[in-house]
C-alpha atoms as a PDB file:
ATOM      1  CA  MET A   1       0.000   0.000   0.000  1.00  0.00           C
ATOM      2  CA  LYS A   2       1.226   3.484  -0.845  1.00  0.00           C
ATOM      3  CA  LYS A   3       1.792   5.987   1.921  1.00  0.00           C
ATOM      4  CA  PHE A   4       0.122   9.360   1.624  1.00  0.00           C
ATOM      5  CA  THR A   5      -0.299  12.548   3.588  1.00  0.00           C
ATOM      6  CA  ILE A   6      -3.038  15.121   3.801  1.00  0.00           C
ATOM      7  CA  ALA A   7      -2.795  18.612   5.258  1.00  0.00           C
ATOM      8  CA  ILE A   8      -5.429  21.290   5.693  1.00  0.00           C
ATOM      9  CA  HIS A   9      -5.403  24.991   6.462  1.00  0.00           C
ATOM     10  CA  GLY A  10      -7.533  26.020   9.406  1.00  0.00           C
ATOM     11  CA  GLY A  11      -8.734  29.250   7.825  1.00  0.00           C
ATOM     12  CA  ALA A  12      -7.891  32.870   7.249  1.00  0.00           C
ATOM     13  CA  GLY A  13      -7.833  35.610   9.794  1.00  0.00           C
ATOM     14  CA  THR A  14      -6.651  35.719  13.360  1.00  0.00           C
ATOM     15  CA  ILE A  15      -8.258  34.277  16.440  1.00  0.00           C
ATOM     16  CA  SER A  16      -7.528  36.455  19.422  1.00  0.00           C
ATOM     17  CA  PRO A  17      -6.413  34.422  22.430  1.00  0.00           C
ATOM     18  CA  SER A  18      -8.677  36.573  24.591  1.00  0.00           C
ATOM     19  CA  THR A  19     -11.754  35.251  22.764  1.00  0.00           C
ATOM     20  CA  MET A  20     -10.663  31.611  22.677  1.00  0.00           C
ATOM     21  CA  THR A  21     -12.314  29.467  25.304  1.00  0.00           C
ATOM     22  CA  PRO A  22     -11.458  25.841  26.022  1.00  0.00           C
ATOM     23  CA  GLN A  23     -14.796  24.876  24.445  1.00  0.00           C
ATOM     24  CA  LYS A  24     -14.057  26.820  21.257  1.00  0.00           C
ATOM     25  CA  GLU A  25     -10.571  25.354  21.037  1.00  0.00           C
ATOM     26  CA  THR A  26     -11.982  21.845  21.383  1.00  0.00           C
ATOM     27  CA  ALA A  27     -14.600  22.566  18.693  1.00  0.00           C
ATOM     28  CA  TYR A  28     -11.957  23.941  16.294  1.00  0.00           C
ATOM     29  CA  LYS A  29      -9.650  20.977  16.823  1.00  0.00           C
ATOM     30  CA  GLN A  30     -12.510  18.511  16.419  1.00  0.00           C
ATOM     31  CA  ALA A  31     -13.634  20.151  13.166  1.00  0.00           C
ATOM     32  CA  LEU A  32     -10.084  20.124  11.797  1.00  0.00           C
ATOM     33  CA  GLN A  33      -9.697  16.457  12.711  1.00  0.00           C
ATOM     34  CA  THR A  34     -13.038  15.652  11.062  1.00  0.00           C
ATOM     35  CA  ALA A  35     -11.874  17.351   7.859  1.00  0.00           C
ATOM     36  CA  LEU A  36      -8.537  15.524   7.890  1.00  0.00           C
ATOM     37  CA  THR A  37     -10.235  12.196   8.498  1.00  0.00           C
ATOM     38  CA  ALA A  38     -12.722  12.770   5.672  1.00  0.00           C
ATOM     39  CA  GLY A  39      -9.951  13.546   3.180  1.00  0.00           C
ATOM     40  CA  TYR A  40      -7.786  10.695   4.419  1.00  0.00           C
ATOM     41  CA  LYS A  41     -10.621   8.197   3.979  1.00  0.00           C
ATOM     42  CA  VAL A  42     -10.939   9.215   0.321  1.00  0.00           C
ATOM     43  CA  LEU A  43      -7.217   8.632  -0.233  1.00  0.00           C
ATOM     44  CA  GLU A  44      -7.311   5.392   1.726  1.00  0.00           C
ATOM     45  CA  ALA A  45     -10.065   4.148  -0.610  1.00  0.00           C
ATOM     46  CA  ARG A  46      -7.808   5.024  -3.568  1.00  0.00           C
ATOM     47  CA  GLY A  47      -9.768   8.155  -4.434  1.00  0.00           C
ATOM     48  CA  SER A  48      -8.139  11.074  -6.197  1.00  0.00           C
ATOM     49  CA  ALA A  49      -6.292  13.875  -4.446  1.00  0.00           C
ATOM     50  CA  LEU A  50      -8.868  16.303  -5.815  1.00  0.00           C
ATOM     51  CA  ASP A  51     -11.703  14.271  -4.313  1.00  0.00           C
ATOM     52  CA  ALA A  52      -9.880  14.112  -0.972  1.00  0.00           C
ATOM     53  CA  VAL A  53      -9.349  17.856  -0.873  1.00  0.00           C
ATOM     54  CA  THR A  54     -12.948  18.461  -1.910  1.00  0.00           C
ATOM     55  CA  GLN A  55     -14.240  16.260   0.886  1.00  0.00           C
ATOM     56  CA  ALA A  56     -11.997  17.954   3.457  1.00  0.00           C
ATOM     57  CA  VAL A  57     -13.155  21.406   2.350  1.00  0.00           C
ATOM     58  CA  ILE A  58     -16.804  20.326   2.455  1.00  0.00           C
ATOM     59  CA  GLU A  59     -16.313  19.206   6.056  1.00  0.00           C
ATOM     60  CA  LEU A  60     -14.674  22.513   6.976  1.00  0.00           C
ATOM     61  CA  GLU A  61     -17.376  24.542   5.263  1.00  0.00           C
ATOM     62  CA  ASN A  62     -20.027  22.638   7.212  1.00  0.00           C
ATOM     63  CA  THR A  63     -18.677  24.064  10.460  1.00  0.00           C
ATOM     64  CA  PRO A  64     -20.145  27.360  11.684  1.00  0.00           C
ATOM     65  CA  PHE A  65     -16.807  28.918  12.599  1.00  0.00           C
ATOM     66  CA  CYS A  66     -15.332  28.247   9.185  1.00  0.00           C
ATOM     67  CA  LEU A  67     -18.189  30.004   7.440  1.00  0.00           C
ATOM     68  CA  MET A  68     -18.037  32.833   9.920  1.00  0.00           C
ATOM     69  CA  GLN A  69     -14.332  33.300   9.284  1.00  0.00           C
ATOM     70  CA  ALA A  70     -14.946  33.474   5.528  1.00  0.00           C
ATOM     71  CA  GLU A  71     -17.451  36.280   6.037  1.00  0.00           C
ATOM     72  CA  VAL A  72     -15.061  38.173   8.291  1.00  0.00           C
ATOM     73  CA  VAL A  73     -12.332  37.953   5.666  1.00  0.00           C
ATOM     74  CA  PHE A  74     -14.373  38.535   2.518  1.00  0.00           C
ATOM     75  CA  LEU A  75     -16.884  41.206   3.543  1.00  0.00           C
ATOM     76  CA  PRO A  76     -14.276  43.992   3.717  1.00  0.00           C
ATOM     77  CA  MET A  77     -12.943  42.859   0.338  1.00  0.00           C
ATOM     78  CA  LYS A  78     -16.429  42.976  -1.208  1.00  0.00           C
ATOM     79  CA  ALA A  79     -16.846  46.552  -0.050  1.00  0.00           C
ATOM     80  CA  ASN A  80     -13.732  47.511  -2.008  1.00  0.00           C
ATOM     81  CA  MET A  81     -14.445  45.462  -5.130  1.00  0.00           C
ATOM     82  CA  LYS A  82     -15.580  46.931  -8.398  1.00  0.00           C
ATOM     83  CA  TRP A  83     -17.573  44.453 -10.416  1.00  0.00           C
ATOM     84  CA  MET A  84     -16.335  43.916 -13.927  1.00  0.00           C
ATOM     85  CA  HIS A  85     -18.658  42.909 -16.717  1.00  0.00           C
ATOM     86  CA  LEU A  86     -16.925  40.785 -19.290  1.00  0.00           C
END
């Protein structure tokens, strides 16, 4: 059997230590582990790297804090964007 590795990125932005509670930290770590496990299972079943990454991202996006972080990062960018019509 081939060996393989999967890595994920926990998100954009900064989490202030003053707002991190033990419960939040546990929830973040659990969600990250769930995403890693989902992607790993795809690779373990001989799925493609793209499918593994897709499954990991789906798991991350199904967590409330991941979606919240995306809004925090992208909302200021949207305010500064000019839409282009091609």
